[in-house]
Amino acid sequence: QQGVRYLFNTHIQTIETTTDQISAIVLKEGT
C-alpha cells in the first residue's frame, strides 16, 4: 500500500558487478 514493489516467482541467475559496485541483478530469463 505504501508503494513497495514485489517481484514474486522471480529467480535470480547472477549478480553483475563493476570494480567496486553492483551494476545489476540478472534474472533467469535474462532480464
PDB file of all heavy atoms in Angstrom:
ATOM      1  N   GLN A   1       0.824  -1.206   0.000  1.00  0.00           N
ATOM      2  CA  GLN A   1       0.000   0.000   0.000  1.00  0.00           C
ATOM      3  C   GLN A   1       0.861   1.259   0.000  1.00  0.00           C
ATOM      4  O   GLN A   1       0.454   2.304  -0.515  1.00  0.00           O
ATOM      5  CB  GLN A   1      -0.924   0.000   1.215  1.00  0.00           C
ATOM      6  CG  GLN A   1      -1.951  -1.123   1.217  1.00  0.00           C
ATOM      7  CD  GLN A   1      -2.665  -1.255   2.559  1.00  0.00           C
ATOM      8  OE1 GLN A   1      -2.645  -0.343   3.376  1.00  0.00           O
ATOM      9  NE2 GLN A   1      -3.282  -2.408   2.799  1.00  0.00           N
ATOM     10  N   GLN A   2       2.064   1.136   0.554  1.00  0.00           N
ATOM     11  CA  GLN A   2       2.973   2.277   0.631  1.00  0.00           C
ATOM     12  C   GLN A   2       3.820   2.438  -0.631  1.00  0.00           C
ATOM     13  O   GLN A   2       4.571   3.407  -0.744  1.00  0.00           O
ATOM     14  CB  GLN A   2       3.869   2.147   1.852  1.00  0.00           C
ATOM     15  CG  GLN A   2       3.112   2.202   3.177  1.00  0.00           C
ATOM     16  CD  GLN A   2       4.000   1.889   4.363  1.00  0.00           C
ATOM     17  OE1 GLN A   2       5.078   1.304   4.222  1.00  0.00           O
ATOM     18  NE2 GLN A   2       3.558   2.276   5.548  1.00  0.00           N
ATOM     19  N   GLY A   3       3.728   1.465  -1.549  1.00  0.00           N
ATOM     20  CA  GLY A   3       4.435   1.587  -2.809  1.00  0.00           C
ATOM     21  C   GLY A   3       5.616   0.669  -3.021  1.00  0.00           C
ATOM     22  O   GLY A   3       6.303   0.777  -4.048  1.00  0.00           O
ATOM     23  N   VAL A   4       5.871  -0.242  -2.083  1.00  0.00           N
ATOM     24  CA  VAL A   4       6.938  -1.218  -2.301  1.00  0.00           C
ATOM     25  C   VAL A   4       6.511  -2.180  -3.404  1.00  0.00           C
ATOM     26  O   VAL A   4       5.361  -2.630  -3.447  1.00  0.00           O
ATOM     27  CB  VAL A   4       7.257  -1.994  -1.005  1.00  0.00           C
ATOM     28  CG1 VAL A   4       8.223  -3.141  -1.283  1.00  0.00           C
ATOM     29  CG2 VAL A   4       7.837  -1.058   0.041  1.00  0.00           C
ATOM     30  N   ARG A   5       7.417  -2.499  -4.289  1.00  0.00           N
ATOM     31  CA  ARG A   5       7.141  -3.391  -5.417  1.00  0.00           C
ATOM     32  C   ARG A   5       7.706  -4.778  -5.108  1.00  0.00           C
ATOM     33  O   ARG A   5       8.860  -4.911  -4.697  1.00  0.00           O
ATOM     34  CB  ARG A   5       7.792  -2.829  -6.676  1.00  0.00           C
ATOM     35  CG  ARG A   5       7.588  -3.642  -7.940  1.00  0.00           C
ATOM     36  CD  ARG A   5       8.413  -3.033  -9.067  1.00  0.00           C
ATOM     37  NE  ARG A   5       8.305  -3.784 -10.316  1.00  0.00           N
ATOM     38  CZ  ARG A   5       9.236  -3.787 -11.255  1.00  0.00           C
ATOM     39  NH1 ARG A   5      10.370  -3.091 -11.081  1.00  0.00           N
ATOM     40  NH2 ARG A   5       9.074  -4.466 -12.372  1.00  0.00           N
ATOM     41  N   TYR A   6       6.896  -5.808  -5.287  1.00  0.00           N
ATOM     42  CA  TYR A   6       7.331  -7.183  -5.074  1.00  0.00           C
ATOM     43  C   TYR A   6       7.345  -7.934  -6.399  1.00  0.00           C
ATOM     44  O   TYR A   6       6.342  -7.942  -7.127  1.00  0.00           O
ATOM     45  CB  TYR A   6       6.406  -7.903  -4.087  1.00  0.00           C
ATOM     46  CG  TYR A   6       6.596  -7.466  -2.648  1.00  0.00           C
ATOM     47  CD1 TYR A   6       5.922  -6.345  -2.150  1.00  0.00           C
ATOM     48  CD2 TYR A   6       7.441  -8.161  -1.791  1.00  0.00           C
ATOM     49  CE1 TYR A   6       6.093  -5.931  -0.839  1.00  0.00           C
ATOM     50  CE2 TYR A   6       7.618  -7.757  -0.474  1.00  0.00           C
ATOM     51  CZ  TYR A   6       6.941  -6.644  -0.003  1.00  0.00           C
ATOM     52  OH  TYR A   6       7.121  -6.240   1.291  1.00  0.00           O
ATOM     53  N   LEU A   7       8.458  -8.562  -6.707  1.00  0.00           N
ATOM     54  CA  LEU A   7       8.571  -9.418  -7.891  1.00  0.00           C
ATOM     55  C   LEU A   7       8.616 -10.862  -7.406  1.00  0.00           C
ATOM     56  O   LEU A   7       9.679 -11.399  -7.063  1.00  0.00           O
ATOM     57  CB  LEU A   7       9.840  -9.067  -8.678  1.00  0.00           C
ATOM     58  CG  LEU A   7       9.959  -7.629  -9.197  1.00  0.00           C
ATOM     59  CD1 LEU A   7      11.274  -7.442  -9.947  1.00  0.00           C
ATOM     60  CD2 LEU A   7       8.781  -7.282 -10.101  1.00  0.00           C
ATOM     61  N   PHE A   8       7.445 -11.497  -7.344  1.00  0.00           N
ATOM     62  CA  PHE A   8       7.361 -12.889  -6.903  1.00  0.00           C
ATOM     63  C   PHE A   8       7.568 -13.840  -8.082  1.00  0.00           C
ATOM     64  O   PHE A   8       7.551 -13.428  -9.242  1.00  0.00           O
ATOM     65  CB  PHE A   8       6.012 -13.152  -6.237  1.00  0.00           C
ATOM     66  CG  PHE A   8       5.827 -12.430  -4.927  1.00  0.00           C
ATOM     67  CD1 PHE A   8       4.757 -11.559  -4.731  1.00  0.00           C
ATOM     68  CD2 PHE A   8       6.723 -12.620  -3.885  1.00  0.00           C
ATOM     69  CE1 PHE A   8       4.582 -10.895  -3.526  1.00  0.00           C
ATOM     70  CE2 PHE A   8       6.559 -11.963  -2.672  1.00  0.00           C
ATOM     71  CZ  PHE A   8       5.482 -11.102  -2.489  1.00  0.00           C
ATOM     72  N   ASN A   9       7.749 -15.123  -7.758  1.00  0.00           N
ATOM     73  CA  ASN A   9       8.001 -16.144  -8.794  1.00  0.00           C
ATOM     74  C   ASN A   9       9.150 -15.714  -9.709  1.00  0.00           C
ATOM     75  O   ASN A   9       9.133 -15.968 -10.922  1.00  0.00           O
ATOM     76  CB  ASN A   9       6.735 -16.400  -9.620  1.00  0.00           C
ATOM     77  CG  ASN A   9       5.583 -16.887  -8.770  1.00  0.00           C
ATOM     78  OD1 ASN A   9       5.689 -17.907  -8.095  1.00  0.00           O
ATOM     79  ND2 ASN A   9       4.479 -16.142  -8.781  1.00  0.00           N
ATOM     80  N   THR A  10      10.139 -15.078  -9.119  1.00  0.00           N
ATOM     81  CA  THR A  10      11.245 -14.499  -9.882  1.00  0.00           C
ATOM     82  C   THR A  10      12.564 -15.103  -9.403  1.00  0.00           C
ATOM     83  O   THR A  10      12.918 -14.978  -8.224  1.00  0.00           O
ATOM     84  CB  THR A  10      11.269 -12.966  -9.710  1.00  0.00           C
ATOM     85  OG1 THR A  10      10.014 -12.431 -10.153  1.00  0.00           O
ATOM     86  CG2 THR A  10      12.392 -12.350 -10.512  1.00  0.00           C
ATOM     87  N   HIS A  11      13.264 -15.750 -10.312  1.00  0.00           N
ATOM     88  CA  HIS A  11      14.500 -16.451  -9.956  1.00  0.00           C
ATOM     89  C   HIS A  11      15.721 -15.632 -10.367  1.00  0.00           C
ATOM     90  O   HIS A  11      15.819 -15.157 -11.502  1.00  0.00           O
ATOM     91  CB  HIS A  11      14.544 -17.822 -10.626  1.00  0.00           C
ATOM     92  CG  HIS A  11      13.496 -18.759 -10.132  1.00  0.00           C
ATOM     93  ND1 HIS A  11      13.744 -19.745  -9.203  1.00  0.00           N
ATOM     94  CD2 HIS A  11      12.161 -18.855 -10.414  1.00  0.00           C
ATOM     95  CE1 HIS A  11      12.628 -20.408  -8.942  1.00  0.00           C
ATOM     96  NE2 HIS A  11      11.658 -19.881  -9.669  1.00  0.00           N
ATOM     97  N   ILE A  12      16.651 -15.492  -9.434  1.00  0.00           N
ATOM     98  CA  ILE A  12      17.878 -14.736  -9.687  1.00  0.00           C
ATOM     99  C   ILE A  12      18.933 -15.664 -10.286  1.00  0.00           C
ATOM    100  O   ILE A  12      19.214 -16.741  -9.729  1.00  0.00           O
ATOM    101  CB  ILE A  12      18.401 -14.103  -8.387  1.00  0.00           C
ATOM    102  CG1 ILE A  12      17.355 -13.149  -7.808  1.00  0.00           C
ATOM    103  CG2 ILE A  12      19.723 -13.375  -8.629  1.00  0.00           C
ATOM    104  CD1 ILE A  12      17.631 -12.724  -6.382  1.00  0.00           C
ATOM    105  N   GLN A  13      19.517 -15.252 -11.394  1.00  0.00           N
ATOM    106  CA  GLN A  13      20.563 -16.038 -12.041  1.00  0.00           C
ATOM    107  C   GLN A  13      21.943 -15.669 -11.517  1.00  0.00           C
ATOM    108  O   GLN A  13      22.729 -16.525 -11.132  1.00  0.00           O
ATOM    109  CB  GLN A  13      20.523 -15.825 -13.563  1.00  0.00           C
ATOM    110  CG  GLN A  13      21.568 -16.612 -14.342  1.00  0.00           C
ATOM    111  CD  GLN A  13      21.300 -18.107 -14.318  1.00  0.00           C
ATOM    112  OE1 GLN A  13      20.149 -18.548 -14.317  1.00  0.00           O
ATOM    113  NE2 GLN A  13      22.359 -18.900 -14.259  1.00  0.00           N
ATOM    114  N   THR A  14      22.246 -14.376 -11.500  1.00  0.00           N
ATOM    115  CA  THR A  14      23.564 -13.939 -11.058  1.00  0.00           C
ATOM    116  C   THR A  14      23.515 -12.461 -10.705  1.00  0.00           C
ATOM    117  O   THR A  14      22.477 -11.789 -10.836  1.00  0.00           O
ATOM    118  CB  THR A  14      24.631 -14.202 -12.144  1.00  0.00           C
ATOM    119  OG1 THR A  14      25.934 -13.996 -11.591  1.00  0.00           O
ATOM    120  CG2 THR A  14      24.434 -13.292 -13.343  1.00  0.00           C
ATOM    121  N   ILE A  15      24.650 -11.947 -10.250  1.00  0.00           N
ATOM    122  CA  ILE A  15      24.790 -10.532  -9.918  1.00  0.00           C
ATOM    123  C   ILE A  15      25.910  -9.959 -10.772  1.00  0.00           C
ATOM    124  O   ILE A  15      27.013 -10.510 -10.820  1.00  0.00           O
ATOM    125  CB  ILE A  15      25.122 -10.351  -8.417  1.00  0.00           C
ATOM    126  CG1 ILE A  15      24.029 -10.966  -7.538  1.00  0.00           C
ATOM    127  CG2 ILE A  15      25.308  -8.874  -8.083  1.00  0.00           C
ATOM    128  CD1 ILE A  15      24.361 -10.975  -6.057  1.00  0.00           C
ATOM    129  N   GLU A  16      25.633  -8.863 -11.460  1.00  0.00           N
ATOM    130  CA  GLU A  16      26.660  -8.211 -12.270  1.00  0.00           C
ATOM    131  C   GLU A  16      27.357  -7.127 -11.452  1.00  0.00           C
ATOM    132  O   GLU A  16      26.714  -6.393 -10.692  1.00  0.00           O
ATOM    133  CB  GLU A  16      26.050  -7.587 -13.528  1.00  0.00           C
ATOM    134  CG  GLU A  16      25.697  -8.596 -14.600  1.00  0.00           C
ATOM    135  CD  GLU A  16      25.321  -7.924 -15.917  1.00  0.00           C
ATOM    136  OE1 GLU A  16      25.178  -6.671 -15.949  1.00  0.00           O
ATOM    137  OE2 GLU A  16      25.165  -8.648 -16.919  1.00  0.00           O
ATOM    138  N   THR A  17      28.671  -7.040 -11.620  1.00  0.00           N
ATOM    139  CA  THR A  17      29.444  -6.062 -10.867  1.00  0.00           C
ATOM    140  C   THR A  17      30.375  -5.272 -11.786  1.00  0.00           C
ATOM    141  O   THR A  17      30.723  -5.714 -12.882  1.00  0.00           O
ATOM    142  CB  THR A  17      30.304  -6.748  -9.794  1.00  0.00           C
ATOM    143  OG1 THR A  17      31.291  -7.573 -10.436  1.00  0.00           O
ATOM    144  CG2 THR A  17      29.465  -7.597  -8.860  1.00  0.00           C
ATOM    145  N   THR A  18      30.769  -4.102 -11.292  1.00  0.00           N
ATOM    146  CA  THR A  18      31.911  -3.380 -11.864  1.00  0.00           C
ATOM    147  C   THR A  18      33.035  -3.526 -10.838  1.00  0.00           C
ATOM    148  O   THR A  18      32.986  -4.409  -9.979  1.00  0.00           O
ATOM    149  CB  THR A  18      31.570  -1.900 -12.092  1.00  0.00           C
ATOM    150  OG1 THR A  18      31.201  -1.303 -10.833  1.00  0.00           O
ATOM    151  CG2 THR A  18      30.404  -1.767 -13.055  1.00  0.00           C
ATOM    152  N   THR A  19      34.016  -2.698 -10.898  1.00  0.00           N
ATOM    153  CA  THR A  19      35.156  -2.840  -9.987  1.00  0.00           C
ATOM    154  C   THR A  19      34.755  -2.777  -8.521  1.00  0.00           C
ATOM    155  O   THR A  19      35.194  -3.589  -7.700  1.00  0.00           O
ATOM    156  CB  THR A  19      36.208  -1.741 -10.268  1.00  0.00           C
ATOM    157  OG1 THR A  19      36.595  -1.815 -11.631  1.00  0.00           O
ATOM    158  CG2 THR A  19      37.430  -1.932  -9.378  1.00  0.00           C
ATOM    159  N   ASP A  20      33.903  -1.830  -8.180  1.00  0.00           N
ATOM    160  CA  ASP A  20      33.612  -1.614  -6.760  1.00  0.00           C
ATOM    161  C   ASP A  20      32.129  -1.498  -6.435  1.00  0.00           C
ATOM    162  O   ASP A  20      31.764  -1.080  -5.342  1.00  0.00           O
ATOM    163  CB  ASP A  20      34.332  -0.358  -6.267  1.00  0.00           C
ATOM    164  CG  ASP A  20      33.857   0.909  -6.984  1.00  0.00           C
ATOM    165  OD1 ASP A  20      33.121   0.786  -7.982  1.00  0.00           O
ATOM    166  OD2 ASP A  20      34.223   2.007  -6.522  1.00  0.00           O
ATOM    167  N   GLN A  21      31.253  -1.892  -7.377  1.00  0.00           N
ATOM    168  CA  GLN A  21      29.834  -1.826  -7.054  1.00  0.00           C
ATOM    169  C   GLN A  21      29.018  -2.818  -7.879  1.00  0.00           C
ATOM    170  O   GLN A  21      29.497  -3.372  -8.866  1.00  0.00           O
ATOM    171  CB  GLN A  21      29.305  -0.414  -7.241  1.00  0.00           C
ATOM    172  CG  GLN A  21      29.310   0.106  -8.660  1.00  0.00           C
ATOM    173  CD  GLN A  21      28.758   1.526  -8.739  1.00  0.00           C
ATOM    174  OE1 GLN A  21      28.429   2.144  -7.734  1.00  0.00           O
ATOM    175  NE2 GLN A  21      28.657   2.055  -9.949  1.00  0.00           N
ATOM    176  N   ILE A  22      27.786  -3.019  -7.445  1.00  0.00           N
ATOM    177  CA  ILE A  22      26.845  -3.869  -8.171  1.00  0.00           C
ATOM    178  C   ILE A  22      26.205  -3.038  -9.276  1.00  0.00           C
ATOM    179  O   ILE A  22      25.792  -1.895  -9.047  1.00  0.00           O
ATOM    180  CB  ILE A  22      25.757  -4.405  -7.217  1.00  0.00           C
ATOM    181  CG1 ILE A  22      26.383  -5.109  -6.014  1.00  0.00           C
ATOM    182  CG2 ILE A  22      24.809  -5.343  -7.964  1.00  0.00           C
ATOM    183  CD1 ILE A  22      27.286  -6.255  -6.346  1.00  0.00           C
ATOM    184  N   SER A  23      26.108  -3.631 -10.462  1.00  0.00           N
ATOM    185  CA  SER A  23      25.501  -2.898 -11.579  1.00  0.00           C
ATOM    186  C   SER A  23      24.108  -3.410 -11.925  1.00  0.00           C
ATOM    187  O   SER A  23      23.281  -2.656 -12.445  1.00  0.00           O
ATOM    188  CB  SER A  23      26.399  -2.971 -12.814  1.00  0.00           C
ATOM    189  OG  SER A  23      26.659  -4.318 -13.178  1.00  0.00           O
ATOM    190  N   ALA A  24      23.840  -4.708 -11.642  1.00  0.00           N
ATOM    191  CA  ALA A  24      22.511  -5.244 -11.974  1.00  0.00           C
ATOM    192  C   ALA A  24      22.307  -6.616 -11.335  1.00  0.00           C
ATOM    193  O   ALA A  24      23.269  -7.340 -11.044  1.00  0.00           O
ATOM    194  CB  ALA A  24      22.336  -5.353 -13.487  1.00  0.00           C
ATOM    195  N   ILE A  25      21.041  -6.963 -11.142  1.00  0.00           N
ATOM    196  CA  ILE A  25      20.637  -8.327 -10.787  1.00  0.00           C
ATOM    197  C   ILE A  25      20.101  -8.967 -12.058  1.00  0.00           C
ATOM    198  O   ILE A  25      19.184  -8.430 -12.692  1.00  0.00           O
ATOM    199  CB  ILE A  25      19.540  -8.326  -9.702  1.00  0.00           C
ATOM    200  CG1 ILE A  25      20.020  -7.574  -8.453  1.00  0.00           C
ATOM    201  CG2 ILE A  25      19.135  -9.755  -9.361  1.00  0.00           C
ATOM    202  CD1 ILE A  25      21.247  -8.158  -7.793  1.00  0.00           C
ATOM    203  N   VAL A  26      20.680 -10.088 -12.445  1.00  0.00           N
ATOM    204  CA  VAL A  26      20.280 -10.768 -13.671  1.00  0.00           C
ATOM    205  C   VAL A  26      19.329 -11.909 -13.318  1.00  0.00           C
ATOM    206  O   VAL A  26      19.672 -12.805 -12.531  1.00  0.00           O
ATOM    207  CB  VAL A  26      21.499 -11.310 -14.438  1.00  0.00           C
ATOM    208  CG1 VAL A  26      21.041 -11.960 -15.744  1.00  0.00           C
ATOM    209  CG2 VAL A  26      22.512 -10.201 -14.712  1.00  0.00           C
ATOM    210  N   LEU A  27      18.125 -11.872 -13.881  1.00  0.00           N
ATOM    211  CA  LEU A  27      17.139 -12.914 -13.634  1.00  0.00           C
ATOM    212  C   LEU A  27      17.341 -14.077 -14.596  1.00  0.00           C
ATOM    213  O   LEU A  27      18.036 -13.950 -15.613  1.00  0.00           O
ATOM    214  CB  LEU A  27      15.735 -12.335 -13.773  1.00  0.00           C
ATOM    215  CG  LEU A  27      15.449 -11.080 -12.932  1.00  0.00           C
ATOM    216  CD1 LEU A  27      14.014 -10.623 -13.144  1.00  0.00           C
ATOM    217  CD2 LEU A  27      15.729 -11.338 -11.455  1.00  0.00           C
ATOM    218  N   LYS A  28      16.725 -15.210 -14.303  1.00  0.00           N
ATOM    219  CA  LYS A  28      16.943 -16.418 -15.110  1.00  0.00           C
ATOM    220  C   LYS A  28      16.509 -16.254 -16.548  1.00  0.00           C
ATOM    221  O   LYS A  28      17.098 -16.843 -17.452  1.00  0.00           O
ATOM    222  CB  LYS A  28      16.241 -17.619 -14.462  1.00  0.00           C
ATOM    223  CG  LYS A  28      17.046 -18.237 -13.334  1.00  0.00           C
ATOM    224  CD  LYS A  28      16.615 -19.643 -13.021  1.00  0.00           C
ATOM    225  CE  LYS A  28      17.589 -20.287 -12.028  1.00  0.00           C
ATOM    226  NZ  LYS A  28      17.167 -21.652 -11.639  1.00  0.00           N
ATOM    227  N   GLU A  29      15.475 -15.442 -16.775  1.00  0.00           N
ATOM    228  CA  GLU A  29      15.020 -15.246 -18.156  1.00  0.00           C
ATOM    229  C   GLU A  29      15.862 -14.212 -18.897  1.00  0.00           C
ATOM    230  O   GLU A  29      15.598 -13.916 -20.063  1.00  0.00           O
ATOM    231  CB  GLU A  29      13.543 -14.842 -18.180  1.00  0.00           C
ATOM    232  CG  GLU A  29      13.225 -13.489 -17.581  1.00  0.00           C
ATOM    233  CD  GLU A  29      12.925 -13.554 -16.087  1.00  0.00           C
ATOM    234  OE1 GLU A  29      13.349 -14.539 -15.435  1.00  0.00           O
ATOM    235  OE2 GLU A  29      12.266 -12.630 -15.582  1.00  0.00           O
ATOM    236  N   GLY A  30      16.873 -13.667 -18.198  1.00  0.00           N
ATOM    237  CA  GLY A  30      17.775 -12.722 -18.845  1.00  0.00           C
ATOM    238  C   GLY A  30      17.514 -11.261 -18.550  1.00  0.00           C
ATOM    239  O   GLY A  30      18.331 -10.404 -18.855  1.00  0.00           O
ATOM    240  N   THR A  31      16.367 -10.970 -17.944  1.00  0.00           N
ATOM    241  CA  THR A  31      16.040  -9.588 -17.585  1.00  0.00           C
ATOM    242  C   THR A  31      17.007  -9.068 -16.522  1.00  0.00           C
ATOM    243  O   THR A  31      17.435  -9.821 -15.640  1.00  0.00           O
ATOM    244  CB  THR A  31      14.600  -9.499 -17.038  1.00  0.00           C
ATOM    245  OG1 THR A  31      13.708 -10.040 -18.000  1.00  0.00           O
ATOM    246  CG2 THR A  31      14.213  -8.055 -16.732  1.00  0.00           C
TER     247      THR A  31
END
